[in-house]
Amino acid sequence: MFGRCLQYFGGFGMGGMMFMGIFWIALIVLIVYLASKLMNDRSGKASPEESALDILKKELAKGNITEEEFDRKKKLL
């Protein structure tokens, strides 16, 4: 009778069946997490509520533009 149970569950018994269930659930959760992370990753892009002046100030703070460039671009805005 015990041999029949092992044969029915693929030779691993109930523990193996539970492990496979946990494995598939973890795999699905990982795929969903990575997909959402990939879709929401907007690194380097401005958020919609960020104004052009805010972006310009950040560029000045990073040192990507000089103060003269900042003033010139600010006048254009």
PDB file of N, CA and C in Angstrom:
ATOM      1  N   MET A   1       0.827  -1.192   0.000  1.00  0.00           N
ATOM      2  CA  MET A   1       0.000   0.000   0.000  1.00  0.00           C
ATOM      3  C   MET A   1       0.874   1.260   0.000  1.00  0.00           C
ATOM      4  N   PHE A   2       1.931   1.275   0.793  1.00  0.00           N
ATOM      5  CA  PHE A   2       2.814   2.441   0.851  1.00  0.00           C
ATOM      6  C   PHE A   2       3.512   2.646  -0.488  1.00  0.00           C
ATOM      7  N   GLY A   3       3.895   1.551  -1.115  1.00  0.00           N
ATOM      8  CA  GLY A   3       4.537   1.629  -2.425  1.00  0.00           C
ATOM      9  C   GLY A   3       3.620   2.229  -3.472  1.00  0.00           C
ATOM     10  N   ARG A   4       2.340   1.923  -3.375  1.00  0.00           N
ATOM     11  CA  ARG A   4       1.370   2.488  -4.320  1.00  0.00           C
ATOM     12  C   ARG A   4       1.254   4.001  -4.146  1.00  0.00           C
ATOM     13  N   CYS A   5       1.297   4.481  -2.905  1.00  0.00           N
ATOM     14  CA  CYS A   5       1.222   5.922  -2.649  1.00  0.00           C
ATOM     15  C   CYS A   5       2.436   6.622  -3.238  1.00  0.00           C
ATOM     16  N   LEU A   6       3.626   6.043  -3.048  1.00  0.00           N
ATOM     17  CA  LEU A   6       4.832   6.649  -3.599  1.00  0.00           C
ATOM     18  C   LEU A   6       4.777   6.676  -5.117  1.00  0.00           C
ATOM     19  N   GLN A   7       4.257   5.615  -5.686  1.00  0.00           N
ATOM     20  CA  GLN A   7       4.154   5.548  -7.129  1.00  0.00           C
ATOM     21  C   GLN A   7       3.151   6.590  -7.632  1.00  0.00           C
ATOM     22  N   TYR A   8       2.073   6.795  -6.904  1.00  0.00           N
ATOM     23  CA  TYR A   8       1.042   7.744  -7.295  1.00  0.00           C
ATOM     24  C   TYR A   8       1.579   9.179  -7.271  1.00  0.00           C
ATOM     25  N   PHE A   9       2.400   9.511  -6.270  1.00  0.00           N
ATOM     26  CA  PHE A   9       2.931  10.865  -6.128  1.00  0.00           C
ATOM     27  C   PHE A   9       4.305  11.016  -6.777  1.00  0.00           C
ATOM     28  N   GLY A  10       4.650  10.177  -7.693  1.00  0.00           N
ATOM     29  CA  GLY A  10       5.893  10.305  -8.420  1.00  0.00           C
ATOM     30  C   GLY A  10       7.101   9.836  -7.644  1.00  0.00           C
ATOM     31  N   GLY A  11       6.943   9.072  -6.604  1.00  0.00           N
ATOM     32  CA  GLY A  11       8.067   8.557  -5.848  1.00  0.00           C
ATOM     33  C   GLY A  11       8.569   9.478  -4.754  1.00  0.00           C
ATOM     34  N   PHE A  12       8.024  10.688  -4.647  1.00  0.00           N
ATOM     35  CA  PHE A  12       8.499  11.627  -3.638  1.00  0.00           C
ATOM     36  C   PHE A  12       7.562  11.753  -2.453  1.00  0.00           C
ATOM     37  N   GLY A  13       6.416  11.207  -2.526  1.00  0.00           N
ATOM     38  CA  GLY A  13       5.461  11.276  -1.429  1.00  0.00           C
ATOM     39  C   GLY A  13       4.814  12.637  -1.323  1.00  0.00           C
ATOM     40  N   MET A  14       4.150  12.867  -0.232  1.00  0.00           N
ATOM     41  CA  MET A  14       3.432  14.128  -0.022  1.00  0.00           C
ATOM     42  C   MET A  14       4.397  15.303   0.119  1.00  0.00           C
ATOM     43  N   GLY A  15       5.584  15.066   0.699  1.00  0.00           N
ATOM     44  CA  GLY A  15       6.560  16.147   0.852  1.00  0.00           C
ATOM     45  C   GLY A  15       7.005  16.695  -0.483  1.00  0.00           C
ATOM     46  N   GLY A  16       7.233  15.819  -1.427  1.00  0.00           N
ATOM     47  CA  GLY A  16       7.627  16.261  -2.761  1.00  0.00           C
ATOM     48  C   GLY A  16       6.521  17.014  -3.456  1.00  0.00           C
ATOM     49  N   MET A  17       5.316  16.586  -3.241  1.00  0.00           N
ATOM     50  CA  MET A  17       4.170  17.257  -3.854  1.00  0.00           C
ATOM     51  C   MET A  17       4.012  18.669  -3.265  1.00  0.00           C
ATOM     52  N   MET A  18       4.187  18.793  -1.959  1.00  0.00           N
ATOM     53  CA  MET A  18       4.101  20.112  -1.331  1.00  0.00           C
ATOM     54  C   MET A  18       5.248  21.006  -1.802  1.00  0.00           C
ATOM     55  N   PHE A  19       6.439  20.434  -1.926  1.00  0.00           N
ATOM     56  CA  PHE A  19       7.584  21.214  -2.397  1.00  0.00           C
ATOM     57  C   PHE A  19       7.328  21.753  -3.802  1.00  0.00           C
ATOM     58  N   MET A  20       6.787  20.935  -4.660  1.00  0.00           N
ATOM     59  CA  MET A  20       6.501  21.379  -6.025  1.00  0.00           C
ATOM     60  C   MET A  20       5.446  22.485  -6.038  1.00  0.00           C
ATOM     61  N   GLY A  21       4.456  22.378  -5.166  1.00  0.00           N
ATOM     62  CA  GLY A  21       3.443  23.430  -5.062  1.00  0.00           C
ATOM     63  C   GLY A  21       4.061  24.747  -4.616  1.00  0.00           C
ATOM     64  N   ILE A  22       4.916  24.681  -3.600  1.00  0.00           N
ATOM     65  CA  ILE A  22       5.588  25.880  -3.105  1.00  0.00           C
ATOM     66  C   ILE A  22       6.515  26.443  -4.189  1.00  0.00           C
ATOM     67  N   PHE A  23       7.212  25.557  -4.893  1.00  0.00           N
ATOM     68  CA  PHE A  23       8.108  25.995  -5.964  1.00  0.00           C
ATOM     69  C   PHE A  23       7.351  26.778  -7.030  1.00  0.00           C
ATOM     70  N   TRP A  24       6.227  26.258  -7.490  1.00  0.00           N
ATOM     71  CA  TRP A  24       5.470  26.931  -8.548  1.00  0.00           C
ATOM     72  C   TRP A  24       4.875  28.252  -8.072  1.00  0.00           C
ATOM     73  N   ILE A  25       4.410  28.286  -6.840  1.00  0.00           N
ATOM     74  CA  ILE A  25       3.870  29.538  -6.296  1.00  0.00           C
ATOM     75  C   ILE A  25       4.985  30.584  -6.212  1.00  0.00           C
ATOM     76  N   ALA A  26       6.167  30.182  -5.711  1.00  0.00           N
ATOM     77  CA  ALA A  26       7.295  31.105  -5.611  1.00  0.00           C
ATOM     78  C   ALA A  26       7.732  31.584  -6.993  1.00  0.00           C
ATOM     79  N   LEU A  27       7.721  30.707  -7.966  1.00  0.00           N
ATOM     80  CA  LEU A  27       8.111  31.076  -9.326  1.00  0.00           C
ATOM     81  C   LEU A  27       7.135  32.088  -9.916  1.00  0.00           C
ATOM     82  N   ILE A  28       5.861  31.888  -9.724  1.00  0.00           N
ATOM     83  CA  ILE A  28       4.847  32.814 -10.233  1.00  0.00           C
ATOM     84  C   ILE A  28       4.973  34.173  -9.550  1.00  0.00           C
ATOM     85  N   VAL A  29       5.171  34.168  -8.223  1.00  0.00           N
ATOM     86  CA  VAL A  29       5.344  35.426  -7.485  1.00  0.00           C
ATOM     87  C   VAL A  29       6.582  36.167  -7.991  1.00  0.00           C
ATOM     88  N   LEU A  30       7.665  35.451  -8.233  1.00  0.00           N
ATOM     89  CA  LEU A  30       8.886  36.069  -8.735  1.00  0.00           C
ATOM     90  C   LEU A  30       8.674  36.688 -10.117  1.00  0.00           C
ATOM     91  N   ILE A  31       7.990  35.994 -10.983  1.00  0.00           N
ATOM     92  CA  ILE A  31       7.729  36.507 -12.335  1.00  0.00           C
ATOM     93  C   ILE A  31       6.861  37.757 -12.269  1.00  0.00           C
ATOM     94  N   VAL A  32       5.828  37.749 -11.441  1.00  0.00           N
ATOM     95  CA  VAL A  32       4.952  38.919 -11.306  1.00  0.00           C
ATOM     96  C   VAL A  32       5.735  40.099 -10.733  1.00  0.00           C
ATOM     97  N   TYR A  33       6.574  39.840  -9.728  1.00  0.00           N
ATOM     98  CA  TYR A  33       7.383  40.902  -9.125  1.00  0.00           C
ATOM     99  C   TYR A  33       8.330  41.518 -10.153  1.00  0.00           C
ATOM    100  N   LEU A  34       9.036  40.680 -10.891  1.00  0.00           N
ATOM    101  CA  LEU A  34       9.987  41.186 -11.879  1.00  0.00           C
ATOM    102  C   LEU A  34       9.280  41.944 -13.003  1.00  0.00           C
ATOM    103  N   ALA A  35       8.131  41.473 -13.419  1.00  0.00           N
ATOM    104  CA  ALA A  35       7.376  42.157 -14.475  1.00  0.00           C
ATOM    105  C   ALA A  35       6.905  43.531 -13.997  1.00  0.00           C
ATOM    106  N   SER A  36       6.405  43.610 -12.764  1.00  0.00           N
ATOM    107  CA  SER A  36       5.953  44.903 -12.250  1.00  0.00           C
ATOM    108  C   SER A  36       7.131  45.843 -12.033  1.00  0.00           C
ATOM    109  N   LYS A  37       8.256  45.309 -11.595  1.00  0.00           N
ATOM    110  CA  LYS A  37       9.454  46.123 -11.397  1.00  0.00           C
ATOM    111  C   LYS A  37       9.937  46.677 -12.740  1.00  0.00           C
ATOM    112  N   LEU A  38       9.908  45.855 -13.756  1.00  0.00           N
ATOM    113  CA  LEU A  38      10.340  46.277 -15.081  1.00  0.00           C
ATOM    114  C   LEU A  38       9.418  47.343 -15.653  1.00  0.00           C
ATOM    115  N   MET A  39       8.129  47.201 -15.461  1.00  0.00           N
ATOM    116  CA  MET A  39       7.171  48.165 -16.000  1.00  0.00           C
ATOM    117  C   MET A  39       7.215  49.487 -15.252  1.00  0.00           C
ATOM    118  N   ASN A  40       7.490  49.456 -13.950  1.00  0.00           N
ATOM    119  CA  ASN A  40       7.479  50.674 -13.143  1.00  0.00           C
ATOM    120  C   ASN A  40       8.829  51.350 -13.062  1.00  0.00           C
ATOM    121  N   ASP A  41       9.869  50.727 -13.602  1.00  0.00           N
ATOM    122  CA  ASP A  41      11.208  51.299 -13.516  1.00  0.00           C
ATOM    123  C   ASP A  41      11.339  52.437 -14.511  1.00  0.00           C
ATOM    124  N   ARG A  42      11.364  53.628 -14.011  1.00  0.00           N
ATOM    125  CA  ARG A  42      11.471  54.815 -14.856  1.00  0.00           C
ATOM    126  C   ARG A  42      12.755  55.571 -14.534  1.00  0.00           C
ATOM    127  N   SER A  43      13.820  54.851 -14.323  1.00  0.00           N
ATOM    128  CA  SER A  43      15.073  55.476 -13.920  1.00  0.00           C
ATOM    129  C   SER A  43      15.553  56.460 -14.975  1.00  0.00           C
ATOM    130  N   GLY A  44      15.871  57.664 -14.516  1.00  0.00           N
ATOM    131  CA  GLY A  44      16.373  58.683 -15.431  1.00  0.00           C
ATOM    132  C   GLY A  44      15.296  59.496 -16.114  1.00  0.00           C
ATOM    133  N   LYS A  45      14.055  59.162 -15.937  1.00  0.00           N
ATOM    134  CA  LYS A  45      12.979  59.903 -16.587  1.00  0.00           C
ATOM    135  C   LYS A  45      12.287  60.797 -15.566  1.00  0.00           C
ATOM    136  N   ALA A  46      11.842  61.935 -16.015  1.00  0.00           N
ATOM    137  CA  ALA A  46      11.158  62.876 -15.136  1.00  0.00           C
ATOM    138  C   ALA A  46       9.738  62.402 -14.858  1.00  0.00           C
ATOM    139  N   SER A  47       9.292  62.657 -13.660  1.00  0.00           N
ATOM    140  CA  SER A  47       7.920  62.304 -13.326  1.00  0.00           C
ATOM    141  C   SER A  47       6.986  63.360 -13.924  1.00  0.00           C
ATOM    142  N   PRO A  48       5.738  63.007 -14.181  1.00  0.00           N
ATOM    143  CA  PRO A  48       4.821  63.944 -14.836  1.00  0.00           C
ATOM    144  C   PRO A  48       4.591  65.232 -14.046  1.00  0.00           C
ATOM    145  N   GLU A  49       4.669  65.166 -12.718  1.00  0.00           N
ATOM    146  CA  GLU A  49       4.397  66.356 -11.918  1.00  0.00           C
ATOM    147  C   GLU A  49       5.641  67.220 -11.703  1.00  0.00           C
ATOM    148  N   GLU A  50       6.785  66.826 -12.275  1.00  0.00           N
ATOM    149  CA  GLU A  50       8.019  67.583 -12.140  1.00  0.00           C
ATOM    150  C   GLU A  50       8.076  68.644 -13.243  1.00  0.00           C
ATOM    151  N   SER A  51       8.271  69.905 -12.856  1.00  0.00           N
ATOM    152  CA  SER A  51       8.285  70.980 -13.842  1.00  0.00           C
ATOM    153  C   SER A  51       9.647  71.060 -14.520  1.00  0.00           C
ATOM    154  N   ALA A  52       9.682  71.804 -15.606  1.00  0.00           N
ATOM    155  CA  ALA A  52      10.931  71.977 -16.357  1.00  0.00           C
ATOM    156  C   ALA A  52      11.969  72.703 -15.497  1.00  0.00           C
ATOM    157  N   LEU A  53      11.514  73.642 -14.668  1.00  0.00           N
ATOM    158  CA  LEU A  53      12.440  74.370 -13.796  1.00  0.00           C
ATOM    159  C   LEU A  53      13.051  73.441 -12.747  1.00  0.00           C
ATOM    160  N   ASP A  54      12.247  72.524 -12.234  1.00  0.00           N
ATOM    161  CA  ASP A  54      12.765  71.551 -11.265  1.00  0.00           C
ATOM    162  C   ASP A  54      13.845  70.674 -11.895  1.00  0.00           C
ATOM    163  N   ILE A  55      13.612  70.255 -13.122  1.00  0.00           N
ATOM    164  CA  ILE A  55      14.592  69.432 -13.833  1.00  0.00           C
ATOM    165  C   ILE A  55      15.872  70.236 -14.054  1.00  0.00           C
ATOM    166  N   LEU A  56      15.710  71.483 -14.431  1.00  0.00           N
ATOM    167  CA  LEU A  56      16.862  72.354 -14.664  1.00  0.00           C
ATOM    168  C   LEU A  56      17.669  72.548 -13.379  1.00  0.00           C
ATOM    169  N   LYS A  57      16.977  72.734 -12.256  1.00  0.00           N
ATOM    170  CA  LYS A  57      17.660  72.878 -10.964  1.00  0.00           C
ATOM    171  C   LYS A  57      18.434  71.615 -10.595  1.00  0.00           C
ATOM    172  N   LYS A  58      17.856  70.461 -10.885  1.00  0.00           N
ATOM    173  CA  LYS A  58      18.552  69.199 -10.593  1.00  0.00           C
ATOM    174  C   LYS A  58      19.807  69.052 -11.444  1.00  0.00           C
ATOM    175  N   GLU A  59      19.717  69.460 -12.700  1.00  0.00           N
ATOM    176  CA  GLU A  59      20.881  69.393 -13.583  1.00  0.00           C
ATOM    177  C   GLU A  59      22.001  70.293 -13.076  1.00  0.00           C
ATOM    178  N   LEU A  60      21.639  71.481 -12.572  1.00  0.00           N
ATOM    179  CA  LEU A  60      22.623  72.402 -12.002  1.00  0.00           C
ATOM    180  C   LEU A  60      23.239  71.796 -10.740  1.00  0.00           C
ATOM    181  N   ALA A  61      22.399  71.194  -9.904  1.00  0.00           N
ATOM    182  CA  ALA A  61      22.890  70.586  -8.660  1.00  0.00           C
ATOM    183  C   ALA A  61      23.825  69.410  -8.940  1.00  0.00           C
ATOM    184  N   LYS A  62      23.557  68.658  -9.999  1.00  0.00           N
ATOM    185  CA  LYS A  62      24.417  67.531 -10.362  1.00  0.00           C
ATOM    186  C   LYS A  62      25.737  67.995 -10.969  1.00  0.00           C
ATOM    187  N   GLY A  63      25.766  69.234 -11.436  1.00  0.00           N
ATOM    188  CA  GLY A  63      26.973  69.744 -12.071  1.00  0.00           C
ATOM    189  C   GLY A  63      27.009  69.489 -13.561  1.00  0.00           C
ATOM    190  N   ASN A  64      25.868  69.122 -14.133  1.00  0.00           N
ATOM    191  CA  ASN A  64      25.818  68.854 -15.570  1.00  0.00           C
ATOM    192  C   ASN A  64      25.795  70.133 -16.404  1.00  0.00           C
ATOM    193  N   ILE A  65      25.353  71.238 -15.799  1.00  0.00           N
ATOM    194  CA  ILE A  65      25.335  72.521 -16.495  1.00  0.00           C
ATOM    195  C   ILE A  65      25.950  73.572 -15.589  1.00  0.00           C
ATOM    196  N   THR A  66      26.425  74.664 -16.184  1.00  0.00           N
ATOM    197  CA  THR A  66      27.001  75.759 -15.403  1.00  0.00           C
ATOM    198  C   THR A  66      25.900  76.729 -14.999  1.00  0.00           C
ATOM    199  N   GLU A  67      26.263  77.697 -14.148  1.00  0.00           N
ATOM    200  CA  GLU A  67      25.281  78.692 -13.711  1.00  0.00           C
ATOM    201  C   GLU A  67      24.836  79.564 -14.881  1.00  0.00           C
ATOM    202  N   GLU A  68      25.752  79.849 -15.786  1.00  0.00           N
ATOM    203  CA  GLU A  68      25.406  80.660 -16.956  1.00  0.00           C
ATOM    204  C   GLU A  68      24.399  79.909 -17.838  1.00  0.00           C
ATOM    205  N   GLU A  69      24.625  78.626 -18.033  1.00  0.00           N
ATOM    206  CA  GLU A  69      23.683  77.824 -18.820  1.00  0.00           C
ATOM    207  C   GLU A  69      22.330  77.753 -18.120  1.00  0.00           C
ATOM    208  N   PHE A  70      22.369  77.639 -16.790  1.00  0.00           N
ATOM    209  CA  PHE A  70      21.126  77.598 -16.016  1.00  0.00           C
ATOM    210  C   PHE A  70      20.331  78.873 -16.220  1.00  0.00           C
ATOM    211  N   ASP A  71      21.013  80.022 -16.081  1.00  0.00           N
ATOM    212  CA  ASP A  71      20.321  81.308 -16.238  1.00  0.00           C
ATOM    213  C   ASP A  71      19.770  81.476 -17.657  1.00  0.00           C
ATOM    214  N   ARG A  72      20.561  81.082 -18.651  1.00  0.00           N
ATOM    215  CA  ARG A  72      20.123  81.208 -20.056  1.00  0.00           C
ATOM    216  C   ARG A  72      18.900  80.327 -20.327  1.00  0.00           C
ATOM    217  N   LYS A  73      18.948  79.099 -19.858  1.00  0.00           N
ATOM    218  CA  LYS A  73      17.822  78.165 -20.073  1.00  0.00           C
ATOM    219  C   LYS A  73      16.590  78.564 -19.264  1.00  0.00           C
ATOM    220  N   LYS A  74      16.834  79.143 -18.087  1.00  0.00           N
ATOM    221  CA  LYS A  74      15.712  79.597 -17.237  1.00  0.00           C
ATOM    222  C   LYS A  74      14.951  80.734 -17.927  1.00  0.00           C
ATOM    223  N   LYS A  75      15.685  81.609 -18.613  1.00  0.00           N
ATOM    224  CA  LYS A  75      15.030  82.699 -19.332  1.00  0.00           C
ATOM    225  C   LYS A  75      14.192  82.172 -20.495  1.00  0.00           C
ATOM    226  N   LEU A  76      14.658  81.091 -21.102  1.00  0.00           N
ATOM    227  CA  LEU A  76      13.904  80.493 -22.209  1.00  0.00           C
ATOM    228  C   LEU A  76      12.593  79.865 -21.755  1.00  0.00           C
ATOM    229  N   LEU A  77      12.574  79.440 -20.518  1.00  0.00           N
ATOM    230  CA  LEU A  77      11.342  78.818 -19.997  1.00  0.00           C
ATOM    231  C   LEU A  77      10.313  79.888 -19.754  1.00  0.00           C
TER     232      LEU A  77
END
